Amino acid sequence: RFRSPGERYAGHWAVGQEPRPWHLPEDHVLRGEVREL
């Protein structure tokens, strides 16, 4: 998921591999699935 040595900004996130913000549907939270996980 990181840029290889020799690439510009080596060691940084590769394109498309950055951590993405994610949003879980409300019903998943209400069912307690995320808390259990």
ModelCIF file with pLDDT and N, C-alpha, C, O atoms, coordinates in Angstrom:
data_MODEL
#
_entry.id   MODEL 
#
_entity.id                         1 
_entity.type                       polymer 
_entity.pdbx_number_of_molecules   1 
#
_entity_poly.entity_id                      1 
_entity_poly.type                           'polypeptide(L)' 
_entity_poly.nstd_linkage                   no 
_entity_poly.nstd_monomer                   no 
_entity_poly.pdbx_seq_one_letter_code       RFRSPGERYAGHWAVGQEPRPWHLPEDHVLRGEVREL 
_entity_poly.pdbx_seq_one_letter_code_can   RFRSPGERYAGHWAVGQEPRPWHLPEDHVLRGEVREL 
_entity_poly.pdbx_strand_id                 A 
#
loop_
_entity_poly_seq.entity_id 
_entity_poly_seq.num 
_entity_poly_seq.mon_id 
_entity_poly_seq.hetero 
1 1  ARG n 
1 2  PHE n 
1 3  ARG n 
1 4  SER n 
1 5  PRO n 
1 6  GLY n 
1 7  GLU n 
1 8  ARG n 
1 9  TYR n 
1 10 ALA n 
1 11 GLY n 
1 12 HIS n 
1 13 TRP n 
1 14 ALA n 
1 15 VAL n 
1 16 GLY n 
1 17 GLN n 
1 18 GLU n 
1 19 PRO n 
1 20 ARG n 
1 21 PRO n 
1 22 TRP n 
1 23 HIS n 
1 24 LEU n 
1 25 PRO n 
1 26 GLU n 
1 27 ASP n 
1 28 HIS n 
1 29 VAL n 
1 30 LEU n 
1 31 ARG n 
1 32 GLY n 
1 33 GLU n 
1 34 VAL n 
1 35 ARG n 
1 36 GLU n 
1 37 LEU n 
#
_struct_asym.id          A 
_struct_asym.entity_id   1 
#
loop_
_ma_qa_metric.id 
_ma_qa_metric.mode 
_ma_qa_metric.name 
_ma_qa_metric.software_group_id 
_ma_qa_metric.type 
1 global pLDDT . pLDDT 
2 local  pLDDT . pLDDT 
#
_ma_qa_metric_global.metric_id      1 
_ma_qa_metric_global.metric_value   61.46 
_ma_qa_metric_global.model_id       1 
_ma_qa_metric_global.ordinal_id     1 
#
loop_
_ma_qa_metric_local.label_asym_id 
_ma_qa_metric_local.label_comp_id 
_ma_qa_metric_local.label_seq_id 
_ma_qa_metric_local.metric_id 
_ma_qa_metric_local.metric_value 
_ma_qa_metric_local.model_id 
_ma_qa_metric_local.ordinal_id 
A ARG 1  2 58.00 1 1  
A PHE 2  2 60.00 1 2  
A ARG 3  2 63.00 1 3  
A SER 4  2 68.00 1 4  
A PRO 5  2 68.00 1 5  
A GLY 6  2 71.00 1 6  
A GLU 7  2 73.00 1 7  
A ARG 8  2 71.00 1 8  
A TYR 9  2 61.00 1 9  
A ALA 10 2 60.00 1 10 
A GLY 11 2 56.00 1 11 
A HIS 12 2 59.00 1 12 
A TRP 13 2 58.00 1 13 
A ALA 14 2 66.00 1 14 
A VAL 15 2 68.00 1 15 
A GLY 16 2 65.00 1 16 
A GLN 17 2 60.00 1 17 
A GLU 18 2 59.00 1 18 
A PRO 19 2 55.00 1 19 
A ARG 20 2 55.00 1 20 
A PRO 21 2 53.00 1 21 
A TRP 22 2 46.00 1 22 
A HIS 23 2 52.00 1 23 
A LEU 24 2 50.00 1 24 
A PRO 25 2 54.00 1 25 
A GLU 26 2 54.00 1 26 
A ASP 27 2 54.00 1 27 
A HIS 28 2 52.00 1 28 
A VAL 29 2 52.00 1 29 
A LEU 30 2 48.00 1 30 
A ARG 31 2 56.00 1 31 
A GLY 32 2 69.00 1 32 
A GLU 33 2 72.00 1 33 
A VAL 34 2 72.00 1 34 
A ARG 35 2 75.00 1 35 
A GLU 36 2 81.00 1 36 
A LEU 37 2 80.00 1 37 
#
loop_
_atom_site.group_PDB 
_atom_site.id 
_atom_site.type_symbol 
_atom_site.label_atom_id 
_atom_site.label_alt_id 
_atom_site.label_comp_id 
_atom_site.label_asym_id 
_atom_site.label_entity_id 
_atom_site.label_seq_id 
_atom_site.pdbx_PDB_ins_code 
_atom_site.Cartn_x 
_atom_site.Cartn_y 
_atom_site.Cartn_z 
_atom_site.occupancy 
_atom_site.B_iso_or_equiv 
_atom_site.pdbx_formal_charge 
_atom_site.auth_seq_id 
_atom_site.auth_comp_id 
_atom_site.auth_asym_id 
_atom_site.auth_atom_id 
_atom_site.pdbx_PDB_model_num 
ATOM 1   N N  . ARG A 1 1  ? 0.815   -1.215 0.000  1.00 58.00 ? 1  ARG A N  1 
ATOM 2   C CA . ARG A 1 1  ? 0.000   0.000  0.000  1.00 58.00 ? 1  ARG A CA 1 
ATOM 3   C C  . ARG A 1 1  ? 0.850   1.267  0.000  1.00 58.00 ? 1  ARG A C  1 
ATOM 4   O O  . ARG A 1 1  ? 0.312   2.371  -0.080 1.00 58.00 ? 1  ARG A O  1 
ATOM 5   N N  . PHE A 1 2  ? 2.180   1.119  0.090  1.00 60.00 ? 2  PHE A N  1 
ATOM 6   C CA . PHE A 1 2  ? 3.069   2.269  0.123  1.00 60.00 ? 2  PHE A CA 1 
ATOM 7   C C  . PHE A 1 2  ? 3.885   2.378  -1.161 1.00 60.00 ? 2  PHE A C  1 
ATOM 8   O O  . PHE A 1 2  ? 4.085   1.385  -1.860 1.00 60.00 ? 2  PHE A O  1 
ATOM 9   N N  . ARG A 1 3  ? 4.349   3.570  -1.466 1.00 63.00 ? 3  ARG A N  1 
ATOM 10  C CA . ARG A 1 3  ? 5.197   3.801  -2.640 1.00 63.00 ? 3  ARG A CA 1 
ATOM 11  C C  . ARG A 1 3  ? 6.547   3.119  -2.431 1.00 63.00 ? 3  ARG A C  1 
ATOM 12  O O  . ARG A 1 3  ? 7.107   3.147  -1.335 1.00 63.00 ? 3  ARG A O  1 
ATOM 13  N N  . SER A 1 4  ? 7.054   2.513  -3.485 1.00 68.00 ? 4  SER A N  1 
ATOM 14  C CA . SER A 1 4  ? 8.296   1.740  -3.415 1.00 68.00 ? 4  SER A CA 1 
ATOM 15  C C  . SER A 1 4  ? 9.505   2.661  -3.356 1.00 68.00 ? 4  SER A C  1 
ATOM 16  O O  . SER A 1 4  ? 9.433   3.821  -3.762 1.00 68.00 ? 4  SER A O  1 
ATOM 17  N N  . PRO A 1 5  ? 10.632  2.130  -2.840 1.00 68.00 ? 5  PRO A N  1 
ATOM 18  C CA . PRO A 1 5  ? 11.878  2.911  -2.867 1.00 68.00 ? 5  PRO A CA 1 
ATOM 19  C C  . PRO A 1 5  ? 12.214  3.305  -4.309 1.00 68.00 ? 5  PRO A C  1 
ATOM 20  O O  . PRO A 1 5  ? 12.059  2.500  -5.227 1.00 68.00 ? 5  PRO A O  1 
ATOM 21  N N  . GLY A 1 6  ? 12.661  4.512  -4.499 1.00 71.00 ? 6  GLY A N  1 
ATOM 22  C CA . GLY A 1 6  ? 12.963  4.992  -5.850 1.00 71.00 ? 6  GLY A CA 1 
ATOM 23  C C  . GLY A 1 6  ? 11.837  5.818  -6.425 1.00 71.00 ? 6  GLY A C  1 
ATOM 24  O O  . GLY A 1 6  ? 12.066  6.656  -7.298 1.00 71.00 ? 6  GLY A O  1 
ATOM 25  N N  . GLU A 1 7  ? 10.621  5.598  -5.950 1.00 73.00 ? 7  GLU A N  1 
ATOM 26  C CA . GLU A 1 7  ? 9.493   6.410  -6.399 1.00 73.00 ? 7  GLU A CA 1 
ATOM 27  C C  . GLU A 1 7  ? 9.518   7.760  -5.688 1.00 73.00 ? 7  GLU A C  1 
ATOM 28  O O  . GLU A 1 7  ? 10.111  7.918  -4.621 1.00 73.00 ? 7  GLU A O  1 
ATOM 29  N N  . ARG A 1 8  ? 8.868   8.702  -6.302 1.00 71.00 ? 8  ARG A N  1 
ATOM 30  C CA . ARG A 1 8  ? 8.716   9.996  -5.642 1.00 71.00 ? 8  ARG A CA 1 
ATOM 31  C C  . ARG A 1 8  ? 7.851   9.808  -4.400 1.00 71.00 ? 8  ARG A C  1 
ATOM 32  O O  . ARG A 1 8  ? 6.833   9.118  -4.453 1.00 71.00 ? 8  ARG A O  1 
ATOM 33  N N  . TYR A 1 9  ? 8.241   10.406 -3.302 1.00 61.00 ? 9  TYR A N  1 
ATOM 34  C CA . TYR A 1 9  ? 7.561   10.268 -2.021 1.00 61.00 ? 9  TYR A CA 1 
ATOM 35  C C  . TYR A 1 9  ? 7.549   8.798  -1.565 1.00 61.00 ? 9  TYR A C  1 
ATOM 36  O O  . TYR A 1 9  ? 6.535   8.296  -1.080 1.00 61.00 ? 9  TYR A O  1 
ATOM 37  N N  . ALA A 1 10 ? 8.691   8.124  -1.728 1.00 60.00 ? 10 ALA A N  1 
ATOM 38  C CA . ALA A 1 10 ? 8.796   6.722  -1.298 1.00 60.00 ? 10 ALA A CA 1 
ATOM 39  C C  . ALA A 1 10 ? 8.389   6.583  0.163  1.00 60.00 ? 10 ALA A C  1 
ATOM 40  O O  . ALA A 1 10 ? 8.750   7.398  1.011  1.00 60.00 ? 10 ALA A O  1 
ATOM 41  N N  . GLY A 1 11 ? 7.632   5.536  0.428  1.00 56.00 ? 11 GLY A N  1 
ATOM 42  C CA . GLY A 1 11 ? 7.177   5.278  1.786  1.00 56.00 ? 11 GLY A CA 1 
ATOM 43  C C  . GLY A 1 11 ? 5.830   5.889  2.103  1.00 56.00 ? 11 GLY A C  1 
ATOM 44  O O  . GLY A 1 11 ? 5.205   5.532  3.102  1.00 56.00 ? 11 GLY A O  1 
ATOM 45  N N  . HIS A 1 12 ? 5.369   6.817  1.252  1.00 59.00 ? 12 HIS A N  1 
ATOM 46  C CA . HIS A 1 12 ? 4.045   7.398  1.442  1.00 59.00 ? 12 HIS A CA 1 
ATOM 47  C C  . HIS A 1 12 ? 2.995   6.463  0.816  1.00 59.00 ? 12 HIS A C  1 
ATOM 48  O O  . HIS A 1 12 ? 3.330   5.502  0.124  1.00 59.00 ? 12 HIS A O  1 
ATOM 49  N N  . TRP A 1 13 ? 1.744   6.767  1.074  1.00 58.00 ? 13 TRP A N  1 
ATOM 50  C CA . TRP A 1 13 ? 0.669   5.928  0.535  1.00 58.00 ? 13 TRP A CA 1 
ATOM 51  C C  . TRP A 1 13 ? 0.707   5.909  -0.992 1.00 58.00 ? 13 TRP A C  1 
ATOM 52  O O  . TRP A 1 13 ? 0.892   6.952  -1.619 1.00 58.00 ? 13 TRP A O  1 
ATOM 53  N N  . ALA A 1 14 ? 0.535   4.748  -1.583 1.00 66.00 ? 14 ALA A N  1 
ATOM 54  C CA . ALA A 1 14 ? 0.422   4.636  -3.038 1.00 66.00 ? 14 ALA A CA 1 
ATOM 55  C C  . ALA A 1 14 ? -0.933  5.185  -3.477 1.00 66.00 ? 14 ALA A C  1 
ATOM 56  O O  . ALA A 1 14 ? -1.876  5.235  -2.688 1.00 66.00 ? 14 ALA A O  1 
ATOM 57  N N  . VAL A 1 15 ? -1.022  5.593  -4.739 1.00 68.00 ? 15 VAL A N  1 
ATOM 58  C CA . VAL A 1 15 ? -2.271  6.142  -5.254 1.00 68.00 ? 15 VAL A CA 1 
ATOM 59  C C  . VAL A 1 15 ? -3.387  5.099  -5.143 1.00 68.00 ? 15 VAL A C  1 
ATOM 60  O O  . VAL A 1 15 ? -3.237  3.964  -5.596 1.00 68.00 ? 15 VAL A O  1 
ATOM 61  N N  . GLY A 1 16 ? -4.488  5.491  -4.544 1.00 65.00 ? 16 GLY A N  1 
ATOM 62  C CA . GLY A 1 16 ? -5.625  4.596  -4.384 1.00 65.00 ? 16 GLY A CA 1 
ATOM 63  C C  . GLY A 1 16 ? -5.548  3.694  -3.164 1.00 65.00 ? 16 GLY A C  1 
ATOM 64  O O  . GLY A 1 16 ? -6.473  2.928  -2.893 1.00 65.00 ? 16 GLY A O  1 
ATOM 65  N N  . GLN A 1 17 ? -4.426  3.784  -2.415 1.00 60.00 ? 17 GLN A N  1 
ATOM 66  C CA . GLN A 1 17 ? -4.251  2.924  -1.246 1.00 60.00 ? 17 GLN A CA 1 
ATOM 67  C C  . GLN A 1 17 ? -4.344  3.698  0.071  1.00 60.00 ? 17 GLN A C  1 
ATOM 68  O O  . GLN A 1 17 ? -4.130  3.133  1.144  1.00 60.00 ? 17 GLN A O  1 
ATOM 69  N N  . GLU A 1 18 ? -4.661  4.977  -0.015 1.00 59.00 ? 18 GLU A N  1 
ATOM 70  C CA . GLU A 1 18 ? -4.756  5.786  1.190  1.00 59.00 ? 18 GLU A CA 1 
ATOM 71  C C  . GLU A 1 18 ? -5.896  5.292  2.080  1.00 59.00 ? 18 GLU A C  1 
ATOM 72  O O  . GLU A 1 18 ? -6.884  4.756  1.579  1.00 59.00 ? 18 GLU A O  1 
ATOM 73  N N  . PRO A 1 19 ? -5.760  5.471  3.412  1.00 55.00 ? 19 PRO A N  1 
ATOM 74  C CA . PRO A 1 19 ? -6.887  5.136  4.291  1.00 55.00 ? 19 PRO A CA 1 
ATOM 75  C C  . PRO A 1 19 ? -8.107  5.947  3.881  1.00 55.00 ? 19 PRO A C  1 
ATOM 76  O O  . PRO A 1 19 ? -8.015  7.160  3.692  1.00 55.00 ? 19 PRO A O  1 
ATOM 77  N N  . ARG A 1 20 ? -9.233  5.291  3.745  1.00 55.00 ? 20 ARG A N  1 
ATOM 78  C CA . ARG A 1 20 ? -10.445 5.975  3.292  1.00 55.00 ? 20 ARG A CA 1 
ATOM 79  C C  . ARG A 1 20 ? -11.401 6.200  4.454  1.00 55.00 ? 20 ARG A C  1 
ATOM 80  O O  . ARG A 1 20 ? -11.582 5.320  5.296  1.00 55.00 ? 20 ARG A O  1 
ATOM 81  N N  . PRO A 1 21 ? -12.009 7.375  4.499  1.00 53.00 ? 21 PRO A N  1 
ATOM 82  C CA . PRO A 1 21 ? -13.061 7.565  5.500  1.00 53.00 ? 21 PRO A CA 1 
ATOM 83  C C  . PRO A 1 21 ? -14.225 6.639  5.161  1.00 53.00 ? 21 PRO A C  1 
ATOM 84  O O  . PRO A 1 21 ? -14.622 6.534  4.000  1.00 53.00 ? 21 PRO A O  1 
ATOM 85  N N  . TRP A 1 22 ? -14.768 5.970  6.173  1.00 46.00 ? 22 TRP A N  1 
ATOM 86  C CA . TRP A 1 22 ? -15.880 5.068  5.895  1.00 46.00 ? 22 TRP A CA 1 
ATOM 87  C C  . TRP A 1 22 ? -17.037 5.398  6.812  1.00 46.00 ? 22 TRP A C  1 
ATOM 88  O O  . TRP A 1 22 ? -16.865 5.837  7.949  1.00 46.00 ? 22 TRP A O  1 
ATOM 89  N N  . HIS A 1 23 ? -18.230 5.168  6.271  1.00 52.00 ? 23 HIS A N  1 
ATOM 90  C CA . HIS A 1 23 ? -19.447 5.517  6.991  1.00 52.00 ? 23 HIS A CA 1 
ATOM 91  C C  . HIS A 1 23 ? -20.356 4.298  6.993  1.00 52.00 ? 23 HIS A C  1 
ATOM 92  O O  . HIS A 1 23 ? -20.776 3.815  5.942  1.00 52.00 ? 23 HIS A O  1 
ATOM 93  N N  . LEU A 1 24 ? -20.648 3.816  8.173  1.00 50.00 ? 24 LEU A N  1 
ATOM 94  C CA . LEU A 1 24 ? -21.498 2.639  8.273  1.00 50.00 ? 24 LEU A CA 1 
ATOM 95  C C  . LEU A 1 24 ? -22.958 3.061  8.354  1.00 50.00 ? 24 LEU A C  1 
ATOM 96  O O  . LEU A 1 24 ? -23.291 4.022  9.047  1.00 50.00 ? 24 LEU A O  1 
ATOM 97  N N  . PRO A 1 25 ? -23.829 2.349  7.649  1.00 54.00 ? 25 PRO A N  1 
ATOM 98  C CA . PRO A 1 25 ? -25.252 2.668  7.723  1.00 54.00 ? 25 PRO A CA 1 
ATOM 99  C C  . PRO A 1 25 ? -25.736 2.650  9.157  1.00 54.00 ? 25 PRO A C  1 
ATOM 100 O O  . PRO A 1 25 ? -25.266 1.862  9.977  1.00 54.00 ? 25 PRO A O  1 
ATOM 101 N N  . GLU A 1 26 ? -26.678 3.524  9.450  1.00 54.00 ? 26 GLU A N  1 
ATOM 102 C CA . GLU A 1 26 ? -27.143 3.687  10.832 1.00 54.00 ? 26 GLU A CA 1 
ATOM 103 C C  . GLU A 1 26 ? -27.680 2.398  11.419 1.00 54.00 ? 26 GLU A C  1 
ATOM 104 O O  . GLU A 1 26 ? -27.495 2.139  12.608 1.00 54.00 ? 26 GLU A O  1 
ATOM 105 N N  . ASP A 1 27 ? -28.353 1.573  10.597 1.00 54.00 ? 27 ASP A N  1 
ATOM 106 C CA . ASP A 1 27 ? -28.954 0.372  11.142 1.00 54.00 ? 27 ASP A CA 1 
ATOM 107 C C  . ASP A 1 27 ? -27.902 -0.618 11.637 1.00 54.00 ? 27 ASP A C  1 
ATOM 108 O O  . ASP A 1 27 ? -28.172 -1.406 12.543 1.00 54.00 ? 27 ASP A O  1 
ATOM 109 N N  . HIS A 1 28 ? -26.708 -0.583 11.049 1.00 52.00 ? 28 HIS A N  1 
ATOM 110 C CA . HIS A 1 28 ? -25.632 -1.457 11.530 1.00 52.00 ? 28 HIS A CA 1 
ATOM 111 C C  . HIS A 1 28 ? -25.228 -1.043 12.940 1.00 52.00 ? 28 HIS A C  1 
ATOM 112 O O  . HIS A 1 28 ? -25.022 -1.889 13.811 1.00 52.00 ? 28 HIS A O  1 
ATOM 113 N N  . VAL A 1 29 ? -25.118 0.262  13.156 1.00 52.00 ? 29 VAL A N  1 
ATOM 114 C CA . VAL A 1 29 ? -24.736 0.761  14.469 1.00 52.00 ? 29 VAL A CA 1 
ATOM 115 C C  . VAL A 1 29 ? -25.829 0.452  15.480 1.00 52.00 ? 29 VAL A C  1 
ATOM 116 O O  . VAL A 1 29 ? -25.547 0.009  16.593 1.00 52.00 ? 29 VAL A O  1 
ATOM 117 N N  . LEU A 1 30 ? -27.082 0.688  15.087 1.00 48.00 ? 30 LEU A N  1 
ATOM 118 C CA . LEU A 1 30 ? -28.193 0.455  15.996 1.00 48.00 ? 30 LEU A CA 1 
ATOM 119 C C  . LEU A 1 30 ? -28.311 -1.011 16.380 1.00 48.00 ? 30 LEU A C  1 
ATOM 120 O O  . LEU A 1 30 ? -28.720 -1.328 17.497 1.00 48.00 ? 30 LEU A O  1 
ATOM 121 N N  . ARG A 1 31 ? -27.954 -1.919 15.458 1.00 56.00 ? 31 ARG A N  1 
ATOM 122 C CA . ARG A 1 31 ? -28.024 -3.342 15.771 1.00 56.00 ? 31 ARG A CA 1 
ATOM 123 C C  . ARG A 1 31 ? -26.869 -3.771 16.661 1.00 56.00 ? 31 ARG A C  1 
ATOM 124 O O  . ARG A 1 31 ? -26.835 -4.909 17.130 1.00 56.00 ? 31 ARG A O  1 
ATOM 125 N N  . GLY A 1 32 ? -25.932 -2.877 16.895 1.00 69.00 ? 32 GLY A N  1 
ATOM 126 C CA . GLY A 1 32 ? -24.824 -3.185 17.772 1.00 69.00 ? 32 GLY A CA 1 
ATOM 127 C C  . GLY A 1 32 ? -23.709 -3.978 17.125 1.00 69.00 ? 32 GLY A C  1 
ATOM 128 O O  . GLY A 1 32 ? -22.808 -4.450 17.818 1.00 69.00 ? 32 GLY A O  1 
ATOM 129 N N  . GLU A 1 33 ? -23.752 -4.136 15.796 1.00 72.00 ? 33 GLU A N  1 
ATOM 130 C CA . GLU A 1 33 ? -22.733 -4.939 15.131 1.00 72.00 ? 33 GLU A CA 1 
ATOM 131 C C  . GLU A 1 33 ? -21.341 -4.336 15.286 1.00 72.00 ? 33 GLU A C  1 
ATOM 132 O O  . GLU A 1 33 ? -20.368 -5.050 15.527 1.00 72.00 ? 33 GLU A O  1 
ATOM 133 N N  . VAL A 1 34 ? -21.256 -3.020 15.145 1.00 72.00 ? 34 VAL A N  1 
ATOM 134 C CA . VAL A 1 34 ? -19.949 -2.374 15.221 1.00 72.00 ? 34 VAL A CA 1 
ATOM 135 C C  . VAL A 1 34 ? -19.399 -2.462 16.637 1.00 72.00 ? 34 VAL A C  1 
ATOM 136 O O  . VAL A 1 34 ? -18.208 -2.709 16.826 1.00 72.00 ? 34 VAL A O  1 
ATOM 137 N N  . ARG A 1 35 ? -20.251 -2.264 17.624 1.00 75.00 ? 35 ARG A N  1 
ATOM 138 C CA . ARG A 1 35 ? -19.790 -2.369 19.007 1.00 75.00 ? 35 ARG A CA 1 
ATOM 139 C C  . ARG A 1 35 ? -19.286 -3.777 19.300 1.00 75.00 ? 35 ARG A C  1 
ATOM 140 O O  . ARG A 1 35 ? -18.267 -3.951 19.968 1.00 75.00 ? 35 ARG A O  1 
ATOM 141 N N  . GLU A 1 36 ? -19.993 -4.766 18.808 1.00 81.00 ? 36 GLU A N  1 
ATOM 142 C CA . GLU A 1 36 ? -19.567 -6.151 19.018 1.00 81.00 ? 36 GLU A CA 1 
ATOM 143 C C  . GLU A 1 36 ? -18.230 -6.403 18.324 1.00 81.00 ? 36 GLU A C  1 
ATOM 144 O O  . GLU A 1 36 ? -17.349 -7.063 18.876 1.00 81.00 ? 36 GLU A O  1 
ATOM 145 N N  . LEU A 1 37 ? -18.090 -5.873 17.114 1.00 80.00 ? 37 LEU A N  1 
ATOM 146 C CA . LEU A 1 37 ? -16.843 -6.057 16.374 1.00 80.00 ? 37 LEU A CA 1 
ATOM 147 C C  . LEU A 1 37 ? -15.676 -5.418 17.113 1.00 80.00 ? 37 LEU A C  1 
ATOM 148 O O  . LEU A 1 37 ? -14.541 -5.472 16.640 1.00 80.00 ? 37 LEU A O  1 
#
